[in-house]
C-alpha atoms as a PDB file:
ATOM      1  CA  UNK A   1      -3.348  17.517  -3.817  1.00  0.00           C
ATOM      2  CA  UNK A   2      -1.165  18.428  -0.181  1.00  0.00           C
ATOM      3  CA  UNK A   3      -2.625  18.224   3.101  1.00  0.00           C
ATOM      4  CA  UNK A   4      -1.512  17.940   6.991  1.00  0.00           C
ATOM      5  CA  UNK A   5      -1.153  15.683   9.490  1.00  0.00           C
ATOM      6  CA  UNK A   6       0.262  16.186  12.385  1.00  0.00           C
ATOM      7  CA  UNK A   7       2.962  18.145  11.089  1.00  0.00           C
ATOM      8  CA  UNK A   8       3.498  16.346   7.812  1.00  0.00           C
ATOM      9  CA  UNK A   9       2.417  16.549   4.606  1.00  0.00           C
ATOM     10  CA  UNK A  10       0.196  14.364   2.458  1.00  0.00           C
ATOM     11  CA  UNK A  11       0.820  14.347  -1.083  1.00  0.00           C
ATOM     12  CA  UNK A  12      -2.041  12.855  -3.402  1.00  0.00           C
ATOM     13  CA  UNK A  13      -0.974  11.412  -6.882  1.00  0.00           C
ATOM     14  CA  UNK A  14       0.412   8.413  -8.762  1.00  0.00           C
ATOM     15  CA  UNK A  15       3.252  10.888 -10.675  1.00  0.00           C
ATOM     16  CA  UNK A  16       6.715  11.529  -9.475  1.00  0.00           C
ATOM     17  CA  UNK A  17       7.320   8.868  -6.930  1.00  0.00           C
ATOM     18  CA  UNK A  18      10.314   8.565  -5.936  1.00  0.00           C
ATOM     19  CA  UNK A  19      11.794   4.401  -6.995  1.00  0.00           C
ATOM     20  CA  UNK A  20      14.609   4.597  -4.348  1.00  0.00           C
ATOM     21  CA  UNK A  21      11.864   5.964  -1.520  1.00  0.00           C
ATOM     22  CA  UNK A  22       9.476   3.505  -2.475  1.00  0.00           C
ATOM     23  CA  UNK A  23      12.261   0.450  -2.161  1.00  0.00           C
ATOM     24  CA  UNK A  24      13.361   1.835   1.030  1.00  0.00           C
ATOM     25  CA  UNK A  25       9.882   1.516   2.329  1.00  0.00           C
ATOM     26  CA  UNK A  26       9.745  -1.827   0.983  1.00  0.00           C
ATOM     27  CA  UNK A  27      12.550  -2.978   2.768  1.00  0.00           C
ATOM     28  CA  UNK A  28      11.719  -1.028   5.965  1.00  0.00           C
ATOM     29  CA  UNK A  29       8.551  -3.643   5.703  1.00  0.00           C
ATOM     30  CA  UNK A  30      10.200  -6.744   5.213  1.00  0.00           C
ATOM     31  CA  UNK A  31       9.138  -6.887   1.938  1.00  0.00           C
ATOM     32  CA  UNK A  32      11.448  -6.418  -0.665  1.00  0.00           C
ATOM     33  CA  UNK A  33      15.943  -6.935  -0.258  1.00  0.00           C
ATOM     34  CA  UNK A  34      18.620  -7.164  -2.442  1.00  0.00           C
ATOM     35  CA  UNK A  35      16.771  -5.823  -5.307  1.00  0.00           C
ATOM     36  CA  UNK A  36      18.848  -6.420  -8.883  1.00  0.00           C
ATOM     37  CA  UNK A  37      18.763  -2.974 -10.618  1.00  0.00           C
ATOM     38  CA  UNK A  38      17.491  -3.718 -13.472  1.00  0.00           C
ATOM     39  CA  UNK A  39      14.012  -4.238 -11.693  1.00  0.00           C
ATOM     40  CA  UNK A  40      13.781  -1.439  -9.334  1.00  0.00           C
ATOM     41  CA  UNK A  41      11.939   0.681 -11.848  1.00  0.00           C
ATOM     42  CA  UNK A  42       8.672  -1.332 -10.632  1.00  0.00           C
ATOM     43  CA  UNK A  43       8.985   0.912  -7.581  1.00  0.00           C
ATOM     44  CA  UNK A  44       7.899   3.502  -9.417  1.00  0.00           C
ATOM     45  CA  UNK A  45       5.523   1.555 -12.042  1.00  0.00           C
ATOM     46  CA  UNK A  46       3.742   0.558  -9.396  1.00  0.00           C
ATOM     47  CA  UNK A  47       3.062   3.791  -8.919  1.00  0.00           C
ATOM     48  CA  UNK A  48       2.326   4.890 -12.436  1.00  0.00           C
ATOM     49  CA  UNK A  49      -0.098   1.901 -13.319  1.00  0.00           C
ATOM     50  CA  UNK A  50      -2.662   2.204  -9.684  1.00  0.00           C
ATOM     51  CA  UNK A  51      -5.432   4.016  -9.395  1.00  0.00           C
ATOM     52  CA  UNK A  52      -4.871   6.672  -6.412  1.00  0.00           C
ATOM     53  CA  UNK A  53      -1.796   7.011  -4.351  1.00  0.00           C
ATOM     54  CA  UNK A  54      -1.382   8.994  -1.053  1.00  0.00           C
ATOM     55  CA  UNK A  55       2.548   9.603  -0.154  1.00  0.00           C
ATOM     56  CA  UNK A  56       2.702  10.646   3.277  1.00  0.00           C
ATOM     57  CA  UNK A  57       6.808  12.896   3.696  1.00  0.00           C
ATOM     58  CA  UNK A  58       8.403  14.284   6.904  1.00  0.00           C
ATOM     59  CA  UNK A  59      10.450  17.233   4.971  1.00  0.00           C
ATOM     60  CA  UNK A  60      12.311  15.322   2.166  1.00  0.00           C
ATOM     61  CA  UNK A  61      11.783  11.823   3.885  1.00  0.00           C
ATOM     62  CA  UNK A  62       8.828   9.765   2.700  1.00  0.00           C
ATOM     63  CA  UNK A  63       7.990   8.019   5.824  1.00  0.00           C
ATOM     64  CA  UNK A  64       4.482   6.214   4.218  1.00  0.00           C
ATOM     65  CA  UNK A  65       2.698   4.965   1.261  1.00  0.00           C
ATOM     66  CA  UNK A  66      -0.757   3.850   0.184  1.00  0.00           C
ATOM     67  CA  UNK A  67      -1.816   2.612  -3.132  1.00  0.00           C
ATOM     68  CA  UNK A  68      -4.935   1.400  -4.404  1.00  0.00           C
ATOM     69  CA  UNK A  69      -6.162  -0.310  -8.034  1.00  0.00           C
ATOM     70  CA  UNK A  70      -9.796   0.047  -8.642  1.00  0.00           C
ATOM     71  CA  UNK A  71     -12.408   0.711 -11.212  1.00  0.00           C
ATOM     72  CA  UNK A  72     -13.618   3.973  -9.728  1.00  0.00           C
ATOM     73  CA  UNK A  73     -17.377   3.370  -9.889  1.00  0.00           C
ATOM     74  CA  UNK A  74     -17.981  -0.378  -7.670  1.00  0.00           C
ATOM     75  CA  UNK A  75     -14.685  -1.483  -5.912  1.00  0.00           C
ATOM     76  CA  UNK A  76     -11.093  -0.656  -5.128  1.00  0.00           C
ATOM     77  CA  UNK A  77      -8.476  -2.909  -2.885  1.00  0.00           C
ATOM     78  CA  UNK A  78      -5.690  -1.118  -1.092  1.00  0.00           C
ATOM     79  CA  UNK A  79      -2.231  -2.878  -2.525  1.00  0.00           C
ATOM     80  CA  UNK A  80       0.425  -1.826  -0.201  1.00  0.00           C
ATOM     81  CA  UNK A  81       0.322   0.098   2.620  1.00  0.00           C
ATOM     82  CA  UNK A  82       3.685   0.963   4.798  1.00  0.00           C
ATOM     83  CA  UNK A  83       4.829   3.330   7.716  1.00  0.00           C
ATOM     84  CA  UNK A  84       7.767   2.792   8.346  1.00  0.00           C
ATOM     85  CA  UNK A  85       8.822   1.367  11.160  1.00  0.00           C
ATOM     86  CA  UNK A  86      10.146   4.021  13.213  1.00  0.00           C
ATOM     87  CA  UNK A  87       6.392   6.318  12.836  1.00  0.00           C
ATOM     88  CA  UNK A  88       4.182   3.230  13.351  1.00  0.00           C
ATOM     89  CA  UNK A  89       1.083   3.978  16.464  1.00  0.00           C
ATOM     90  CA  UNK A  90       0.651   7.333  15.319  1.00  0.00           C
ATOM     91  CA  UNK A  91      -2.344   7.147  12.922  1.00  0.00           C
ATOM     92  CA  UNK A  92      -0.780   7.763   9.693  1.00  0.00           C
ATOM     93  CA  UNK A  93      -1.837   4.395   8.426  1.00  0.00           C
ATOM     94  CA  UNK A  94      -5.648   5.046  10.295  1.00  0.00           C
ATOM     95  CA  UNK A  95      -5.463   8.384   7.580  1.00  0.00           C
ATOM     96  CA  UNK A  96      -4.076   6.845   4.502  1.00  0.00           C
ATOM     97  CA  UNK A  97      -7.004   4.234   5.481  1.00  0.00           C
ATOM     98  CA  UNK A  98      -9.415   6.828   5.573  1.00  0.00           C
ATOM     99  CA  UNK A  99      -8.526   9.087   2.108  1.00  0.00           C
ATOM    100  CA  UNK A 100      -8.627   5.836   0.285  1.00  0.00           C
ATOM    101  CA  UNK A 101     -12.208   5.025   1.089  1.00  0.00           C
ATOM    102  CA  UNK A 102     -12.961   8.763   0.662  1.00  0.00           C
ATOM    103  CA  UNK A 103     -12.153   8.524  -2.364  1.00  0.00           C
ATOM    104  CA  UNK A 104     -15.012   5.543  -3.436  1.00  0.00           C
ATOM    105  CA  UNK A 105     -17.133   6.300  -0.070  1.00  0.00           C
ATOM    106  CA  UNK A 106     -20.332   3.928  -1.602  1.00  0.00           C
ATOM    107  CA  UNK A 107     -17.899   1.092  -3.006  1.00  0.00           C
ATOM    108  CA  UNK A 108     -17.042  -2.517  -2.251  1.00  0.00           C
ATOM    109  CA  UNK A 109     -13.210  -1.860  -0.631  1.00  0.00           C
ATOM    110  CA  UNK A 110     -10.506  -4.725  -0.573  1.00  0.00           C
ATOM    111  CA  UNK A 111      -7.005  -5.239   1.538  1.00  0.00           C
ATOM    112  CA  UNK A 112      -4.225  -7.268   0.231  1.00  0.00           C
ATOM    113  CA  UNK A 113      -2.602  -7.955   3.509  1.00  0.00           C
ATOM    114  CA  UNK A 114      -1.542 -10.710   5.439  1.00  0.00           C
ATOM    115  CA  UNK A 115      -4.025 -12.269   8.763  1.00  0.00           C
ATOM    116  CA  UNK A 116      -1.550 -10.221  11.256  1.00  0.00           C
ATOM    117  CA  UNK A 117      -2.562  -6.783  10.345  1.00  0.00           C
ATOM    118  CA  UNK A 118      -7.207  -8.141  10.220  1.00  0.00           C
ATOM    119  CA  UNK A 119      -7.066  -5.718  13.671  1.00  0.00           C
ATOM    120  CA  UNK A 120      -5.594  -2.584  12.170  1.00  0.00           C
ATOM    121  CA  UNK A 121      -7.757  -3.093   8.733  1.00  0.00           C
ATOM    122  CA  UNK A 122     -11.283  -4.160  11.108  1.00  0.00           C
ATOM    123  CA  UNK A 123      -9.905  -0.409  13.515  1.00  0.00           C
ATOM    124  CA  UNK A 124     -10.180   1.144  10.357  1.00  0.00           C
ATOM    125  CA  UNK A 125     -13.682   0.012   9.390  1.00  0.00           C
ATOM    126  CA  UNK A 126     -13.283  -2.465   6.860  1.00  0.00           C
ATOM    127  CA  UNK A 127     -14.925  -6.126   7.990  1.00  0.00           C
ATOM    128  CA  UNK A 128     -12.832  -8.957   8.153  1.00  0.00           C
ATOM    129  CA  UNK A 129     -14.612 -12.772   6.619  1.00  0.00           C
ATOM    130  CA  UNK A 130     -13.795 -16.234   6.600  1.00  0.00           C
ATOM    131  CA  UNK A 131     -12.489 -16.634   2.846  1.00  0.00           C
ATOM    132  CA  UNK A 132     -13.474 -19.632   2.957  1.00  0.00           C
ATOM    133  CA  UNK A 133     -17.126 -19.075   3.241  1.00  0.00           C
ATOM    134  CA  UNK A 134     -16.601 -16.057   0.813  1.00  0.00           C
ATOM    135  CA  UNK A 135     -14.907 -18.555  -1.948  1.00  0.00           C
ATOM    136  CA  UNK A 136     -11.896 -15.965  -2.476  1.00  0.00           C
ATOM    137  CA  UNK A 137      -9.182 -16.958  -4.127  1.00  0.00           C
ATOM    138  CA  UNK A 138      -5.456 -15.961  -4.848  1.00  0.00           C
ATOM    139  CA  UNK A 139      -2.739 -16.722  -6.553  1.00  0.00           C
ATOM    140  CA  UNK A 140       0.761 -15.302  -5.268  1.00  0.00           C
ATOM    141  CA  UNK A 141       3.452 -14.885  -8.225  1.00  0.00           C
ATOM    142  CA  UNK A 142       6.092 -14.216  -6.000  1.00  0.00           C
ATOM    143  CA  UNK A 143       5.436 -18.464  -5.324  1.00  0.00           C
ATOM    144  CA  UNK A 144       6.017 -19.100  -8.847  1.00  0.00           C
ATOM    145  CA  UNK A 145       8.836 -16.857  -9.081  1.00  0.00           C
ATOM    146  CA  UNK A 146      10.609 -18.390  -6.338  1.00  0.00           C
ATOM    147  CA  UNK A 147       9.701 -22.015  -7.551  1.00  0.00           C
ATOM    148  CA  UNK A 148      11.357 -20.565 -10.773  1.00  0.00           C
ATOM    149  CA  UNK A 149      14.192 -19.023  -9.093  1.00  0.00           C
ATOM    150  CA  UNK A 150      14.056 -15.592 -10.123  1.00  0.00           C
ATOM    151  CA  UNK A 151      13.543 -14.207  -6.175  1.00  0.00           C
ATOM    152  CA  UNK A 152      15.256 -15.767  -2.617  1.00  0.00           C
END
């Protein structure tokens, strides 16, 4: 499926997303750097193993993406939402969240994000709750990977 948004093309789908384009967005966001060659396939696999995904294209350049993991009935989590730094502030991120919410309009949605992104998600209609009150638990594998010497 294709949609047009302010002169950009939004593609829906989890197949055929070029790993090098995803890696470039991760690097721009500060989420990756110096990825070893043997790990680069993860940038394709994360899409193949996601439930839904949207990518935003300016001609041949992928300038934004979002991927979602869901049971497709009751709950969904936005895992990665990235808008390239030179395209931020143009409503692209909000459009991607809106497209996601349309996929499961009556389900419970969560965003895997850091606190500095809470105001953005509130603008998109998500509610930020005190996680201590709600009993949310988290395990971050990257912390263990650093302790084990696998990540910088």
